[in-house]
Amino acid sequence: MEKYSQFRDRGSGISPFIPSTTPASAFSTLWRSGLFICRLPFFLSYSVVFFLLLDHLPSFIIPQVGRKLLLWTLLAIPGIWWVDLQLDGVKRGSLSQQPSSRFPNARAVIAAQFTSPIDALYLAAIFDPIFTISYPGTRKVQRVSLLRAIMLALSPPTLNPPPPASLTTLRALVEQNPHRVIAVFPEMSTTNGKGILPFSPSLLSTPADAQIFPVSMRYTPPDITTPVPGAYLSFLWNLLSRPKHLIRVRIAEGVTNNSVAIVNGDGPVSRAPEKAADDNAADLTPEEVALLDRIAEALARLARNKRVGLTLRDKAAFVEAWSKGRK
């Protein structure tokens, strides 16, 4: 992978865009092939029925508990049934003793690490949040469906936001949905889980009375991460051909946005081209920078990795180089 060395982080040497692979013997490949063939029809048919029909039924027909059970069934088909959930700073085995404020609940914002289509599916099965897409250089977000959030993990990075009419703010979403959780992927695109990308400023539009919870999800084996867009077949193969997958979920203590009085969290970010080396660098106040740094450091600590300086533009260049190298 030396030809992709320019896409390593200069400080840590981490390559966050290289797909993870797991060695397999001839026997294990044969066994995995049989498991894949058995699971694929069930997984595809269940997904079609859920996302085209069941996911659109009103809550009085399928209540929230029923929807979560349907999602857990979808997760169980590929063997995602073992989840190691821990709160940062809390001893193992004492989750039930923690107050509800340590978990994302009504009026909370989840700042989730972004590595796989399973991220959105798991968050939906646990928290039933409203999903959003963040973009570089703007505090505004786009509200999307669960299916769109899942497909985002297999989509190329988007450097420019859509028209303003389709955007909103986290403040508006929280006020309009006071009983829901809002999910944000501040890195804006997926990695292989080995590094935390620079954040979009979208989290800065969170109201001061809403808590932001950094949430990390790591997978064992790690090959169901999708740092390269369009890897539908390899993702399905890695997902459906293993007996089980383990998810390690870590949730940090919630933080509040004390910088919202600066610009009310609604406008675009003004740029300083000579100071900034990428589209995420912006003329932010020290309080805003400190908030984003605190959340990013928390995610890096939870995921046991490091923050990297590679940007969304670097990933777009990597995807182009990767596509050419595969031809």
Protein backbone atom coordinates (compact mmCIF):
# COMPACT_ATOMS: atom_id res chain seq x y z
CA MET A 1 0.00 0.00 0.00
CA GLU A 2 3.00 2.28 -0.44
CA LYS A 3 1.37 4.03 -3.39
CA TYR A 4 -1.23 5.38 -0.94
CA SER A 5 1.36 6.62 1.55
CA GLN A 6 0.41 10.25 0.82
CA PHE A 7 -2.91 9.49 2.50
CA ARG A 8 -1.30 8.69 5.83
CA ASP A 9 -1.57 11.17 8.65
CA ARG A 10 1.78 12.91 8.93
CA GLY A 11 1.84 13.02 12.70
CA SER A 12 0.71 9.48 13.55
CA GLY A 13 1.26 7.54 10.31
CA ILE A 14 -2.35 6.30 10.46
CA SER A 15 -4.10 5.43 7.17
CA PRO A 16 -7.81 5.93 7.95
CA PHE A 17 -9.05 5.20 4.42
CA ILE A 18 -7.44 1.81 3.67
CA PRO A 19 -10.05 -1.00 3.94
CA SER A 20 -9.51 -3.53 6.72
CA THR A 21 -8.95 -7.13 5.68
CA THR A 22 -8.85 -10.40 7.59
CA PRO A 23 -6.76 -13.38 6.34
CA ALA A 24 -8.76 -16.52 5.57
CA SER A 25 -7.79 -20.10 4.77
CA ALA A 26 -9.31 -22.14 1.95
CA PHE A 27 -11.46 -24.11 4.41
CA SER A 28 -12.78 -20.98 6.13
CA THR A 29 -13.56 -19.41 2.76
CA LEU A 30 -15.59 -22.49 1.81
CA TRP A 31 -17.45 -22.40 5.14
CA ARG A 32 -18.08 -18.66 4.82
CA SER A 33 -19.40 -19.13 1.28
CA GLY A 34 -22.04 -21.56 2.50
CA LEU A 35 -23.07 -19.22 5.32
CA PHE A 36 -23.25 -16.29 2.91
CA ILE A 37 -25.48 -18.18 0.47
CA CYS A 38 -27.85 -19.20 3.28
CA ARG A 39 -28.14 -15.74 4.81
CA LEU A 40 -28.25 -13.53 1.73
CA PRO A 41 -31.87 -14.22 0.64
CA PHE A 42 -33.19 -13.73 4.19
CA PHE A 43 -31.21 -10.53 4.73
CA LEU A 44 -32.18 -8.96 1.39
CA SER A 45 -35.86 -9.91 1.59
CA TYR A 46 -36.19 -8.72 5.19
CA SER A 47 -34.41 -5.44 4.35
CA VAL A 48 -36.71 -4.79 1.39
CA VAL A 49 -39.86 -5.44 3.43
CA PHE A 50 -38.66 -3.31 6.33
CA PHE A 51 -37.37 -0.27 4.44
CA LEU A 52 -40.06 -0.20 1.75
CA LEU A 53 -43.05 -1.03 3.94
CA LEU A 54 -42.63 -1.41 7.69
CA ASP A 55 -40.42 1.64 8.20
CA HIS A 56 -43.13 3.89 6.72
CA LEU A 57 -46.02 2.68 8.87
CA PRO A 58 -47.27 5.15 11.51
CA SER A 59 -46.41 4.68 15.18
CA PHE A 60 -49.95 3.67 16.16
CA ILE A 61 -49.54 0.56 13.96
CA ILE A 62 -45.91 -0.19 14.86
CA PRO A 63 -44.93 1.49 18.15
CA GLN A 64 -41.34 2.39 18.95
CA VAL A 65 -40.75 -0.86 20.85
CA GLY A 66 -42.01 -2.89 17.89
CA ARG A 67 -39.80 -0.95 15.48
CA LYS A 68 -36.74 -1.59 17.64
CA LEU A 69 -37.53 -5.32 17.73
CA LEU A 70 -37.75 -5.33 13.94
CA LEU A 71 -34.36 -3.62 13.72
CA TRP A 72 -32.79 -6.07 16.16
CA THR A 73 -34.12 -8.91 14.02
CA LEU A 74 -32.41 -7.34 11.01
CA LEU A 75 -29.18 -7.10 12.99
CA ALA A 76 -29.50 -10.71 14.19
CA ILE A 77 -29.63 -12.17 10.67
CA PRO A 78 -25.91 -11.46 10.01
CA GLY A 79 -25.01 -12.44 13.58
CA ILE A 80 -24.82 -9.00 15.19
CA TRP A 81 -26.23 -9.97 18.54
CA TRP A 82 -23.26 -9.51 20.89
CA VAL A 83 -22.86 -5.88 21.98
CA ASP A 84 -20.37 -4.73 24.61
CA LEU A 85 -21.87 -1.45 25.86
CA GLN A 86 -19.96 0.66 28.40
CA LEU A 87 -20.13 4.20 29.73
CA ASP A 88 -16.87 6.11 29.85
CA GLY A 89 -15.56 6.21 33.42
CA VAL A 90 -18.10 3.69 34.75
CA LYS A 91 -17.06 0.31 36.12
CA ARG A 92 -18.15 -2.72 34.14
CA GLY A 93 -21.31 -4.28 35.51
CA SER A 94 -22.72 -1.10 37.04
CA LEU A 95 -24.66 0.28 34.05
CA SER A 96 -28.01 -0.33 35.72
CA GLN A 97 -26.95 1.85 38.65
CA GLN A 98 -26.26 4.90 36.48
CA PRO A 99 -28.76 7.78 36.21
CA SER A 100 -30.65 8.20 32.94
CA SER A 101 -28.73 11.44 32.32
CA ARG A 102 -25.63 9.39 31.49
CA PHE A 103 -27.39 8.00 28.41
CA PRO A 104 -28.62 9.92 25.36
CA ASN A 105 -32.31 10.69 25.86
CA ALA A 106 -34.82 13.38 24.91
CA ARG A 107 -33.24 16.60 23.59
CA ALA A 108 -29.82 14.94 23.35
CA VAL A 109 -27.44 14.97 20.38
CA ILE A 110 -25.28 11.95 19.56
CA ALA A 111 -21.89 12.72 17.97
CA ALA A 112 -21.11 9.29 16.54
CA GLN A 113 -17.95 7.89 15.03
CA PHE A 114 -18.62 6.94 11.41
CA THR A 115 -17.17 3.71 10.05
CA SER A 116 -19.90 1.39 8.73
CA PRO A 117 -23.53 1.15 7.56
CA ILE A 118 -24.14 -0.76 10.80
CA ASP A 119 -23.54 2.47 12.78
CA ALA A 120 -26.89 3.96 11.81
CA LEU A 121 -28.69 0.62 12.11
CA TYR A 122 -27.43 0.07 15.66
CA LEU A 123 -28.20 3.64 16.75
CA ALA A 124 -31.73 3.25 15.37
CA ALA A 125 -32.23 -0.02 17.26
CA ILE A 126 -31.13 1.55 20.57
CA PHE A 127 -32.06 5.24 20.50
CA ASP A 128 -34.45 5.62 17.53
CA PRO A 129 -32.85 8.99 16.68
CA ILE A 130 -33.43 11.52 13.92
CA PHE A 131 -30.50 11.15 11.52
CA THR A 132 -28.67 14.04 9.92
CA ILE A 133 -25.91 14.64 7.38
CA SER A 134 -23.22 17.23 8.16
CA TYR A 135 -21.23 19.17 5.56
CA PRO A 136 -17.93 21.05 5.62
CA GLY A 137 -17.97 24.76 6.25
CA THR A 138 -21.55 25.09 7.53
CA ARG A 139 -23.33 24.70 10.82
CA LYS A 140 -26.45 23.48 9.10
CA VAL A 141 -27.41 19.82 8.61
CA GLN A 142 -29.73 17.84 6.41
CA ARG A 143 -32.37 15.62 8.01
CA VAL A 144 -32.44 12.16 6.41
CA SER A 145 -34.13 8.80 6.85
CA LEU A 146 -32.53 5.73 8.40
CA LEU A 147 -32.04 4.18 4.96
CA ARG A 148 -30.30 7.32 3.70
CA ALA A 149 -28.04 7.34 6.77
CA ILE A 150 -27.11 3.71 6.10
CA MET A 151 -26.37 4.38 2.44
CA LEU A 152 -24.28 7.41 3.37
CA ALA A 153 -21.66 5.01 4.74
CA LEU A 154 -21.27 3.59 1.23
CA SER A 155 -21.41 6.93 -0.60
CA PRO A 156 -18.51 9.11 -1.81
CA PRO A 157 -17.63 12.17 0.29
CA THR A 158 -19.66 15.30 -0.47
CA LEU A 159 -17.61 18.50 -0.45
CA ASN A 160 -20.50 20.92 -1.02
CA PRO A 161 -23.81 21.10 0.86
CA PRO A 162 -27.17 20.90 -0.94
CA PRO A 163 -29.36 24.00 -1.49
CA PRO A 164 -30.20 25.90 1.72
CA ALA A 165 -33.88 24.99 1.42
CA SER A 166 -33.08 21.38 2.33
CA LEU A 167 -30.94 22.29 5.34
CA THR A 168 -31.78 23.03 8.95
CA THR A 169 -29.95 23.33 12.26
CA LEU A 170 -29.61 21.04 15.25
CA ARG A 171 -31.24 23.78 17.32
CA ALA A 172 -34.34 23.66 15.10
CA LEU A 173 -34.48 19.85 15.13
CA VAL A 174 -34.20 19.72 18.92
CA GLU A 175 -36.93 22.34 19.37
CA GLN A 176 -39.24 20.66 16.84
CA ASN A 177 -38.66 17.18 18.29
CA PRO A 178 -38.17 17.65 22.05
CA HIS A 179 -38.80 13.96 22.80
CA ARG A 180 -36.31 12.58 20.27
CA VAL A 181 -32.54 12.09 20.07
CA ILE A 182 -30.62 13.63 17.16
CA ALA A 183 -27.77 11.64 15.56
CA VAL A 184 -24.85 13.46 13.92
CA PHE A 185 -21.82 12.03 12.11
CA PRO A 186 -19.48 15.02 12.47
CA GLU A 187 -16.64 13.38 10.51
CA MET A 188 -18.97 13.58 7.47
CA SER A 189 -17.56 10.41 5.86
CA THR A 190 -16.49 6.94 6.93
CA THR A 191 -13.06 5.69 7.98
CA ASN A 192 -11.67 2.26 8.80
CA GLY A 193 -11.98 3.11 12.49
CA LYS A 194 -8.28 3.85 13.01
CA GLY A 195 -8.54 7.63 13.17
CA ILE A 196 -10.94 10.51 13.85
CA LEU A 197 -11.30 12.97 10.96
CA PRO A 198 -11.65 16.76 11.45
CA PHE A 199 -15.21 17.72 12.35
CA SER A 200 -17.86 19.67 10.54
CA PRO A 201 -18.95 22.74 12.55
CA SER A 202 -22.54 21.43 12.56
CA LEU A 203 -22.37 20.52 16.27
CA LEU A 204 -22.01 24.22 17.05
CA SER A 205 -25.71 24.72 16.28
CA THR A 206 -26.69 22.55 19.25
CA PRO A 207 -28.71 24.56 21.79
CA ALA A 208 -27.10 25.20 25.17
CA ASP A 209 -29.69 23.12 27.05
CA ALA A 210 -29.06 19.98 24.97
CA GLN A 211 -26.28 17.55 25.83
CA ILE A 212 -23.88 16.20 23.20
CA PHE A 213 -22.85 12.57 23.74
CA PRO A 214 -19.75 11.26 21.92
CA VAL A 215 -20.45 7.63 20.91
CA SER A 216 -17.88 5.21 19.51
CA MET A 217 -18.70 1.92 17.80
CA ARG A 218 -15.93 -0.58 17.01
CA TYR A 219 -16.39 -3.89 15.25
CA THR A 220 -14.69 -7.26 15.60
CA PRO A 221 -13.73 -8.37 13.00
CA PRO A 222 -13.15 -4.84 11.64
CA ASP A 223 -13.75 -5.70 7.97
CA ILE A 224 -17.38 -4.54 7.98
CA THR A 225 -16.11 -0.95 8.05
CA THR A 226 -16.54 0.80 4.69
CA PRO A 227 -13.94 3.55 4.21
CA VAL A 228 -14.16 3.13 0.41
CA PRO A 229 -17.50 4.13 -1.17
CA GLY A 230 -19.42 1.74 -3.40
CA ALA A 231 -18.10 -1.42 -1.70
CA TYR A 232 -21.56 -3.02 -1.59
CA LEU A 233 -20.53 -6.57 -2.49
CA SER A 234 -17.50 -6.74 -0.19
CA PHE A 235 -19.56 -5.28 2.67
CA LEU A 236 -22.32 -7.86 2.20
CA TRP A 237 -19.75 -10.64 1.96
CA ASN A 238 -17.95 -9.63 5.15
CA LEU A 239 -21.24 -9.02 6.96
CA LEU A 240 -23.07 -12.22 6.03
CA SER A 241 -20.25 -14.76 5.80
CA ARG A 242 -19.17 -14.73 9.45
CA PRO A 243 -20.98 -16.54 12.27
CA LYS A 244 -21.12 -13.43 14.44
CA HIS A 245 -19.87 -9.87 14.84
CA LEU A 246 -19.04 -8.05 18.07
CA ILE A 247 -19.83 -4.36 18.55
CA ARG A 248 -17.99 -2.47 21.25
CA VAL A 249 -19.99 0.63 22.09
CA ARG A 250 -18.57 3.36 24.31
CA ILE A 251 -20.53 6.44 25.40
CA ALA A 252 -18.78 9.45 26.92
CA GLU A 253 -20.33 11.84 29.40
CA GLY A 254 -22.49 14.49 27.78
CA VAL A 255 -21.12 17.97 27.13
CA THR A 256 -23.00 21.21 26.53
CA ASN A 257 -22.46 23.90 23.93
CA ASN A 258 -21.60 27.08 25.79
CA SER A 259 -20.62 28.97 22.63
CA VAL A 260 -24.06 29.34 21.03
CA ALA A 261 -24.37 33.00 21.93
CA ILE A 262 -21.65 33.91 19.42
CA VAL A 263 -23.60 33.47 16.17
CA ASN A 264 -26.74 31.69 17.42
CA GLY A 265 -25.54 28.56 15.62
CA ASP A 266 -27.47 29.24 12.40
CA GLY A 267 -25.20 30.85 9.86
CA PRO A 268 -22.45 29.63 7.56
CA VAL A 269 -18.92 29.58 8.83
CA SER A 270 -16.79 32.46 7.64
CA ARG A 271 -13.47 31.31 6.24
CA ALA A 272 -9.89 32.44 6.67
CA PRO A 273 -8.25 31.07 3.50
CA GLU A 274 -4.70 31.95 4.45
CA LYS A 275 -5.08 30.33 7.87
CA ALA A 276 -7.05 27.29 6.79
CA ALA A 277 -5.59 24.29 5.01
CA ASP A 278 -8.92 22.59 4.36
CA ASP A 279 -12.67 23.11 4.12
CA ASN A 280 -13.23 22.33 7.81
CA ALA A 281 -10.87 25.00 9.08
CA ALA A 282 -12.86 28.13 9.80
CA ASP A 283 -12.86 31.39 11.68
CA LEU A 284 -14.30 29.89 14.84
CA THR A 285 -14.19 31.43 18.26
CA PRO A 286 -11.87 29.86 20.86
CA GLU A 287 -14.94 28.52 22.70
CA GLU A 288 -16.23 26.82 19.54
CA VAL A 289 -12.82 25.31 18.77
CA ALA A 290 -12.55 24.04 22.34
CA LEU A 291 -15.97 22.38 22.13
CA LEU A 292 -15.17 20.55 18.88
CA ASP A 293 -11.75 19.55 20.22
CA ARG A 294 -13.29 18.18 23.40
CA ILE A 295 -15.77 16.02 21.51
CA ALA A 296 -13.13 14.82 19.03
CA GLU A 297 -10.72 13.93 21.85
CA ALA A 298 -13.49 12.04 23.62
CA LEU A 299 -14.25 10.04 20.47
CA ALA A 300 -10.55 9.26 19.95
CA ARG A 301 -10.24 8.10 23.57
CA LEU A 302 -13.35 5.92 23.36
CA ALA A 303 -12.24 4.35 20.07
CA ARG A 304 -8.65 3.93 21.28
CA ASN A 305 -7.26 5.70 18.26
CA LYS A 306 -6.01 9.18 17.39
CA ARG A 307 -7.25 12.29 15.66
CA VAL A 308 -5.83 12.74 12.18
CA GLY A 309 -5.33 15.80 10.00
CA LEU A 310 -6.63 14.23 6.79
CA THR A 311 -9.75 16.02 5.53
CA LEU A 312 -12.77 15.26 3.43
CA ARG A 313 -10.93 16.60 0.38
CA ASP A 314 -8.08 14.16 1.13
CA LYS A 315 -10.57 11.30 1.21
CA ALA A 316 -12.03 12.37 -2.14
CA ALA A 317 -8.50 12.31 -3.58
CA PHE A 318 -7.88 8.89 -2.01
CA VAL A 319 -11.09 7.48 -3.49
CA GLU A 320 -10.05 8.69 -6.93
CA ALA A 321 -6.57 7.15 -6.54
CA TRP A 322 -8.03 3.91 -5.17
CA SER A 323 -10.46 3.62 -8.09
CA LYS A 324 -7.68 4.14 -10.62
CA GLY A 325 -5.47 1.60 -8.86
CA ARG A 326 -8.20 -1.05 -9.05
CA LYS A 327 -8.71 -0.73 -12.81
